[in-house]
Amino acid sequence: MTDIKSLTFPELQNFVVSIGFKKYRTSQIAKWLYKKLATSFDEMTDISKKGRKILKENAEIYNLKIVNKEVSKDGTIKYLFELKDGNRIETVFIPERDWNTICVSTQVGCPIGCKFCFTAKDGFTRNLTTSEIVDQYLSVQRDVGIENRISNVVFMGMGEPLLNFENVKKSIEILTDDRMIGLSKRKITVSTCGIIPGIKKMAKEMPKIKLALSLHATEDETRENLIPLNKKYSIREIMKELKNYPADNIRRIMIEYLMLEGINDSPEDAVRLSKLVKGIPVKVNLIPFNQYPGSSFKTPSREKIEAFQKILWDRGIATFIRDSRGQDISAACGMLRGKDKETSKQ
C-alpha cells in the first residue's frame, strides 16, 4: 500500500500512471491533498467513484492524530500527535503579525543526547517518514484554518534533521513544489548540531534552503560536555564546513547559541564566537535557556545576555536575542518531548 503523501510530484505522477490513470489526474490529486487539505479519497469529487475505489485499493492517505493541543498566552500552539505505531511527537505553530511559522519534528526522540535538551531525556526511537513530516504541516494548517497561511517552516522540533536526511529532503521537495504546498525555499530552515556529512549534502542537494547551526559553545571541551557529538565533529571542523556553504548576506547561516549561566556566557565566550564566525555570512541568535523540570542549568540575567550581544555587534556580527514563544506550555526551544503533561510528570 503506497503512502501517497510520501511521494514527490514526479513520484506521484508515476504512481498514478501505474494504476491506470491519465497523467493529468496527478495535479487533481495533489490539489486535493495539498491545497484543499483532503483527508480521504472520498473527498476528491472530481474523480469518479470507480477511480476513488482504485486509489483506495492501492494507496492510503496517512493522517496524524491530534492527541493534545495547548494554546499559549502569546498565541503559540503546541500539538501532540500520535503516529500509526503509537509513538508520539510534538509540533509548534508560532503566529507572527505578518507571517506564521511551524516548527516540525523529524525523529521520535533524538539520538544526540544534548545535556540541556528535554527531548533527549527519552532517547531515540526512530526516524519519521516523509509523510509524517509533511502531515505535521498539513494537520496544523487544517486546524488553524487556511486563512492563517503557514509560510515558514523550521526543522527545529524533536530530532536531528540531518540524521534523517532523505526524508527531510523529500518533505522539503513536497513543501516547496508549487504543484503541491508551494512554499518559498527561502522560508525553510533546517537546523543541525553539526553533522558534517549532512551539511555537505545540504550544500550540494538543497543549496537554497537556509541552514541553522546549534553551536552553544566556543570551546570544544565545553561543547563536548553539552553536546557529546562534538567529540566526533569538532568546532573547528564544523566552522570550516560552514565557510564552504553556499550562503550570502541575503541567505545567512543562522548560529543558534543557547545562553547558559556560568557555562558559555562570559565576555571571553563572546569574543571567541566573533572570531569563529569571521568571514562567514551569519546571523547569531542568542537563546535564553528555557527551564524545564529537573534541569540543572540556569538562564543568565537579561543584562548579561545583552552585554554578550553588544560585544558581538561591536565586532560587526548581526546578533539578536530570541524571545521564547510558548514557554508557558513547554513549547519553546529544547522543551519538546512527545508526551502529554501527565506522562511527563512520571
Protein backbone atom coordinates (compact mmCIF):
# COMPACT_ATOMS: atom_id res chain seq x y z
CA MET A 1 0.00 0.00 0.00
CA THR A 2 1.54 3.31 -1.12
CA ASP A 3 1.77 6.12 1.44
CA ILE A 4 0.63 8.80 -1.00
CA LYS A 5 1.81 11.84 1.00
CA SER A 6 5.35 10.46 0.92
CA LEU A 7 5.54 10.93 -2.86
CA THR A 8 7.09 13.91 -4.62
CA PHE A 9 5.18 15.19 -7.66
CA PRO A 10 7.18 13.11 -10.21
CA GLU A 11 6.76 10.03 -7.98
CA LEU A 12 3.04 10.72 -7.62
CA GLN A 13 2.76 11.00 -11.40
CA ASN A 14 4.49 7.65 -11.91
CA PHE A 15 2.22 6.06 -9.31
CA VAL A 16 -0.94 7.49 -10.88
CA VAL A 17 0.02 6.17 -14.31
CA SER A 18 1.00 2.77 -12.85
CA ILE A 19 -2.55 2.19 -11.55
CA GLY A 20 -4.16 3.08 -14.87
CA PHE A 21 -4.94 6.81 -14.57
CA LYS A 22 -4.10 9.54 -17.06
CA LYS A 23 -1.22 11.86 -16.11
CA TYR A 24 -3.49 14.87 -15.59
CA ARG A 25 -5.04 13.14 -12.58
CA THR A 26 -1.76 13.80 -10.73
CA SER A 27 -2.49 17.52 -10.49
CA GLN A 28 -6.05 16.85 -9.34
CA ILE A 29 -4.93 14.53 -6.55
CA ALA A 30 -2.13 16.90 -5.49
CA LYS A 31 -4.59 19.80 -5.36
CA TRP A 32 -6.94 17.85 -3.11
CA LEU A 33 -4.15 16.75 -0.77
CA TYR A 34 -2.12 19.95 -0.52
CA LYS A 35 -4.39 22.86 -1.47
CA LYS A 36 -7.78 21.63 -0.21
CA LEU A 37 -6.24 19.60 2.65
CA ALA A 38 -8.31 16.49 1.96
CA THR A 39 -8.01 13.67 4.48
CA SER A 40 -9.62 10.92 2.38
CA PHE A 41 -10.02 9.90 -1.26
CA ASP A 42 -13.81 10.19 -0.88
CA GLU A 43 -13.45 13.98 -0.78
CA MET A 44 -11.98 14.01 -4.30
CA THR A 45 -15.31 14.55 -6.05
CA ASP A 46 -13.86 15.35 -9.49
CA ILE A 47 -12.58 11.77 -9.63
CA SER A 48 -15.17 9.08 -10.38
CA LYS A 49 -16.31 6.64 -7.68
CA LYS A 50 -14.56 3.88 -9.61
CA GLY A 51 -11.37 5.95 -9.71
CA ARG A 52 -11.54 6.64 -5.97
CA LYS A 53 -12.03 2.92 -5.34
CA ILE A 54 -8.88 2.16 -7.33
CA LEU A 55 -6.98 4.77 -5.32
CA LYS A 56 -8.18 3.28 -2.02
CA GLU A 57 -7.12 -0.18 -3.14
CA ASN A 58 -3.59 0.98 -3.97
CA ALA A 59 -2.79 3.87 -1.64
CA GLU A 60 -3.51 5.35 1.75
CA ILE A 61 -3.77 8.93 2.97
CA TYR A 62 -1.90 8.88 6.24
CA ASN A 63 -3.19 11.45 8.74
CA LEU A 64 -1.62 12.24 12.09
CA LYS A 65 -3.91 12.08 15.11
CA ILE A 66 -4.07 15.16 17.35
CA VAL A 67 -3.91 13.79 20.91
CA ASN A 68 -3.50 17.09 22.70
CA LYS A 69 -3.40 20.78 21.86
CA GLU A 70 -2.21 23.57 24.14
CA VAL A 71 -2.52 27.30 23.42
CA SER A 72 -0.05 29.73 24.98
CA LYS A 73 -0.97 33.19 26.21
CA ASP A 74 1.18 34.55 23.34
CA GLY A 75 -0.83 32.62 20.71
CA THR A 76 1.68 29.83 20.18
CA ILE A 77 0.04 26.40 19.81
CA LYS A 78 1.71 23.11 20.72
CA TYR A 79 0.34 19.92 19.17
CA LEU A 80 0.90 16.40 20.45
CA PHE A 81 0.49 13.98 17.55
CA GLU A 82 0.13 10.22 17.70
CA LEU A 83 1.66 8.18 14.90
CA LYS A 84 0.32 4.95 13.43
CA ASP A 85 2.61 2.82 15.63
CA GLY A 86 1.56 4.63 18.81
CA ASN A 87 4.67 6.80 19.10
CA ARG A 88 4.14 10.50 19.71
CA ILE A 89 5.76 13.72 18.54
CA GLU A 90 5.24 17.43 19.14
CA THR A 91 4.86 20.27 16.65
CA VAL A 92 4.60 24.00 17.32
CA PHE A 93 2.63 26.71 15.47
CA ILE A 94 4.07 30.20 16.01
CA PRO A 95 1.90 33.10 14.81
CA GLU A 96 3.52 36.43 13.95
CA ARG A 97 1.99 39.70 12.82
CA ASP A 98 2.99 39.30 9.16
CA TRP A 99 3.59 35.56 8.84
CA ASN A 100 3.10 32.21 10.54
CA THR A 101 5.78 29.63 11.30
CA ILE A 102 5.61 25.93 12.09
CA CYS A 103 8.36 24.08 13.95
CA VAL A 104 8.36 20.44 12.84
CA SER A 105 9.92 17.30 14.30
CA THR A 106 11.99 14.86 12.23
CA GLN A 107 12.51 11.98 14.67
CA VAL A 108 10.74 10.26 17.55
CA GLY A 109 13.09 11.33 20.33
CA CYS A 110 16.67 12.26 19.46
CA PRO A 111 19.96 10.31 19.33
CA ILE A 112 22.26 13.27 20.01
CA GLY A 113 21.76 13.44 23.78
CA CYS A 114 22.33 17.17 24.34
CA LYS A 115 22.56 17.68 28.10
CA PHE A 116 20.36 20.79 28.13
CA CYS A 117 17.53 19.41 25.96
CA PHE A 118 14.29 17.96 27.35
CA THR A 119 13.76 15.87 24.19
CA ALA A 120 16.99 13.98 24.90
CA LYS A 121 15.57 12.57 28.15
CA ASP A 122 13.64 9.89 26.24
CA GLY A 123 16.43 8.80 23.93
CA PHE A 124 15.86 7.87 20.29
CA THR A 125 13.15 5.62 18.84
CA ARG A 126 13.10 6.10 15.06
CA ASN A 127 13.15 8.48 12.11
CA LEU A 128 9.90 10.00 10.91
CA THR A 129 8.73 9.10 7.41
CA THR A 130 8.33 11.75 4.73
CA SER A 131 4.55 11.79 5.13
CA GLU A 132 4.82 12.08 8.94
CA ILE A 133 6.91 15.22 8.46
CA VAL A 134 4.68 16.68 5.73
CA ASP A 135 1.47 15.93 7.62
CA GLN A 136 2.62 17.99 10.60
CA TYR A 137 2.33 20.98 8.27
CA LEU A 138 -0.97 19.85 6.74
CA SER A 139 -2.61 18.92 10.06
CA VAL A 140 -1.70 22.22 11.69
CA GLN A 141 -2.74 24.23 8.62
CA ARG A 142 -6.07 22.42 8.63
CA ASP A 143 -6.53 23.13 12.34
CA VAL A 144 -5.65 26.85 12.30
CA GLY A 145 -7.54 27.47 9.05
CA ILE A 146 -6.34 28.28 5.56
CA GLU A 147 -6.83 31.99 6.29
CA ASN A 148 -3.87 31.66 8.69
CA ARG A 149 -1.47 30.55 5.97
CA ILE A 150 1.73 28.96 7.28
CA SER A 151 4.54 30.45 5.21
CA ASN A 152 7.64 29.45 7.19
CA VAL A 153 8.87 26.01 8.25
CA VAL A 154 11.72 25.42 10.67
CA PHE A 155 13.09 21.92 11.18
CA MET A 156 13.88 22.58 14.83
CA GLY A 157 11.50 20.25 16.66
CA MET A 158 12.28 16.80 18.05
CA GLY A 159 15.28 15.08 16.48
CA GLU A 160 18.38 15.86 14.40
CA PRO A 161 17.16 16.59 10.85
CA LEU A 162 20.40 15.72 9.10
CA LEU A 163 20.32 12.20 10.56
CA ASN A 164 17.06 11.72 8.65
CA PHE A 165 18.35 13.44 5.54
CA GLU A 166 16.46 11.66 2.75
CA ASN A 167 13.03 12.01 4.37
CA VAL A 168 13.73 15.63 5.30
CA LYS A 169 14.84 16.35 1.73
CA LYS A 170 11.71 14.71 0.25
CA SER A 171 9.44 16.57 2.65
CA ILE A 172 11.06 19.86 1.60
CA GLU A 173 10.50 18.97 -2.07
CA ILE A 174 6.79 18.49 -1.31
CA LEU A 175 6.64 21.66 0.81
CA THR A 176 8.25 23.81 -1.89
CA ASP A 177 6.74 22.35 -5.09
CA ASP A 178 4.20 24.85 -6.47
CA ARG A 179 2.05 21.93 -7.64
CA MET A 180 1.87 20.74 -4.04
CA ILE A 181 2.22 23.02 -0.98
CA GLY A 182 4.23 25.71 -2.77
CA LEU A 183 6.28 27.42 -0.05
CA SER A 184 9.31 29.53 -0.89
CA LYS A 185 12.64 27.77 -0.34
CA ARG A 186 13.83 30.93 1.39
CA LYS A 187 11.21 30.28 4.07
CA ILE A 188 12.57 26.85 5.02
CA THR A 189 15.28 26.45 7.69
CA VAL A 190 16.98 23.19 8.65
CA SER A 191 18.79 23.09 11.98
CA THR A 192 21.69 20.80 12.88
CA CYS A 193 24.04 20.32 15.80
CA GLY A 194 26.87 19.89 13.31
CA ILE A 195 26.50 16.68 11.26
CA ILE A 196 29.25 17.43 8.75
CA PRO A 197 28.29 14.81 6.10
CA GLY A 198 24.72 16.16 6.26
CA ILE A 199 25.90 19.76 5.88
CA LYS A 200 27.91 18.72 2.81
CA LYS A 201 24.83 17.01 1.33
CA MET A 202 22.65 20.03 2.08
CA ALA A 203 25.11 22.31 0.31
CA LYS A 204 25.07 20.05 -2.74
CA GLU A 205 21.43 18.92 -2.87
CA MET A 206 19.47 21.72 -1.13
CA PRO A 207 21.62 24.87 -1.61
CA LYS A 208 18.68 27.29 -1.43
CA ILE A 209 17.46 26.03 1.95
CA LYS A 210 18.59 28.00 4.98
CA LEU A 211 20.94 26.31 7.42
CA ALA A 212 20.99 26.82 11.19
CA LEU A 213 23.80 25.53 13.40
CA SER A 214 23.16 24.78 17.06
CA LEU A 215 26.60 25.82 18.32
CA HIS A 216 26.06 26.67 22.03
CA ALA A 217 29.77 26.87 22.96
CA THR A 218 33.03 28.35 21.70
CA GLU A 219 35.47 25.74 23.04
CA ASP A 220 35.48 22.01 22.32
CA GLU A 221 35.69 20.92 25.95
CA THR A 222 32.59 22.92 26.89
CA ARG A 223 30.70 21.84 23.77
CA GLU A 224 31.57 18.17 24.33
CA ASN A 225 30.04 18.39 27.80
CA LEU A 226 26.86 19.89 26.33
CA ILE A 227 26.72 18.03 23.00
CA PRO A 228 28.53 14.65 23.07
CA LEU A 229 28.59 14.58 19.24
CA ASN A 230 31.26 17.30 19.35
CA LYS A 231 33.79 14.54 20.07
CA LYS A 232 33.15 13.35 16.51
CA TYR A 233 32.81 16.72 14.78
CA SER A 234 34.87 19.47 16.43
CA ILE A 235 34.01 23.16 16.35
CA ARG A 236 36.97 23.85 14.05
CA GLU A 237 35.82 21.19 11.56
CA ILE A 238 32.23 22.43 11.61
CA MET A 239 33.20 26.07 11.08
CA LYS A 240 35.48 25.06 8.22
CA GLU A 241 32.49 23.37 6.58
CA LEU A 242 30.31 26.47 7.08
CA LYS A 243 32.87 28.55 5.19
CA ASN A 244 32.23 26.34 2.16
CA TYR A 245 28.44 26.50 2.49
CA PRO A 246 26.56 28.42 -0.27
CA ALA A 247 25.37 31.30 1.92
CA ASP A 248 25.36 35.06 1.34
CA ASN A 249 24.21 38.26 3.03
CA ILE A 250 20.62 37.59 1.97
CA ARG A 251 20.59 33.92 2.95
CA ARG A 252 22.81 33.89 6.02
CA ILE A 253 23.64 30.87 8.13
CA MET A 254 21.91 31.09 11.49
CA ILE A 255 24.08 30.42 14.52
CA GLU A 256 21.96 29.27 17.46
CA TYR A 257 23.62 29.95 20.80
CA LEU A 258 21.86 28.81 23.96
CA MET A 259 22.78 31.06 26.88
CA LEU A 260 23.66 29.02 29.98
CA GLU A 261 24.65 30.80 33.17
CA GLY A 262 28.30 30.30 34.13
CA ILE A 263 28.96 27.91 31.25
CA ASN A 264 29.08 29.81 27.94
CA ASP A 265 28.02 33.38 28.75
CA SER A 266 31.29 35.18 29.53
CA PRO A 267 32.70 38.16 27.60
CA GLU A 268 35.54 35.85 26.54
CA ASP A 269 33.00 33.48 25.01
CA ALA A 270 31.52 36.37 23.02
CA VAL A 271 34.93 37.38 21.69
CA ARG A 272 35.74 33.78 20.74
CA LEU A 273 32.38 33.46 18.99
CA SER A 274 33.07 36.58 16.92
CA LYS A 275 36.38 35.06 15.81
CA LEU A 276 34.82 31.69 14.98
CA VAL A 277 32.27 33.19 12.58
CA LYS A 278 34.62 35.72 10.99
CA GLY A 279 34.34 35.57 7.21
CA ILE A 280 31.10 33.57 7.26
CA PRO A 281 27.77 35.29 6.42
CA VAL A 282 25.92 34.57 9.66
CA LYS A 283 23.20 35.82 11.92
CA VAL A 284 23.58 34.91 15.59
CA ASN A 285 20.53 34.07 17.69
CA LEU A 286 21.11 34.20 21.45
CA ILE A 287 18.57 31.92 23.13
CA PRO A 288 17.91 32.33 26.85
CA PHE A 289 17.75 28.83 28.35
CA ASN A 290 14.20 27.62 28.89
CA GLN A 291 13.86 25.95 32.29
CA TYR A 292 12.20 22.54 32.45
CA PRO A 293 11.51 20.19 35.39
CA GLY A 294 14.68 18.62 36.78
CA SER A 295 17.11 20.78 34.80
CA SER A 296 20.37 21.79 36.50
CA PHE A 297 21.04 24.62 34.03
CA LYS A 298 20.12 28.23 34.66
CA THR A 299 19.42 31.26 32.48
CA PRO A 300 21.77 34.27 32.64
CA SER A 301 20.30 37.66 33.52
CA ARG A 302 18.93 39.79 30.69
CA GLU A 303 21.71 42.31 31.35
CA LYS A 304 24.37 39.65 30.88
CA ILE A 305 22.79 38.41 27.64
CA GLU A 306 22.57 41.98 26.30
CA ALA A 307 26.24 42.59 27.21
CA PHE A 308 27.15 39.42 25.28
CA GLN A 309 25.10 40.68 22.34
CA LYS A 310 26.82 44.08 22.38
CA ILE A 311 30.28 42.52 22.17
CA LEU A 312 29.23 40.70 19.01
CA TRP A 313 27.52 43.74 17.44
CA ASP A 314 30.63 45.83 18.17
CA ARG A 315 32.61 43.31 16.14
CA GLY A 316 30.21 43.51 13.20
CA ILE A 317 28.23 40.33 13.91
CA ALA A 318 24.45 40.67 13.46
CA THR A 319 23.18 39.30 16.77
CA PHE A 320 19.66 39.01 18.12
CA ILE A 321 18.11 37.80 21.35
CA ARG A 322 15.35 35.32 20.62
CA ASP A 323 12.12 35.88 22.50
CA SER A 324 10.97 32.48 23.72
CA ARG A 325 7.49 31.66 22.44
CA GLY A 326 5.13 29.23 24.13
CA GLN A 327 7.26 28.87 27.25
CA ASP A 328 4.16 28.58 29.46
CA ILE A 329 3.09 25.44 27.57
CA SER A 330 6.61 23.93 27.24
CA ALA A 331 6.69 24.70 23.52
CA ALA A 332 9.89 26.76 23.50
CA CYS A 333 13.32 25.70 22.21
CA GLY A 334 14.56 22.47 23.80
CA MET A 335 11.30 21.74 25.64
CA LEU A 336 9.52 19.33 23.27
CA ARG A 337 9.14 15.74 24.40
CA GLY A 338 6.31 13.95 22.63
CA LYS A 339 4.35 13.34 25.83
CA ASP A 340 1.36 14.93 27.47
CA LYS A 341 1.68 16.72 30.80
CA GLU A 342 0.63 13.76 32.95
CA THR A 343 3.04 11.35 31.27
CA SER A 344 5.92 13.84 31.52
CA LYS A 345 5.47 14.08 35.28
CA GLN A 346 6.04 10.37 35.78
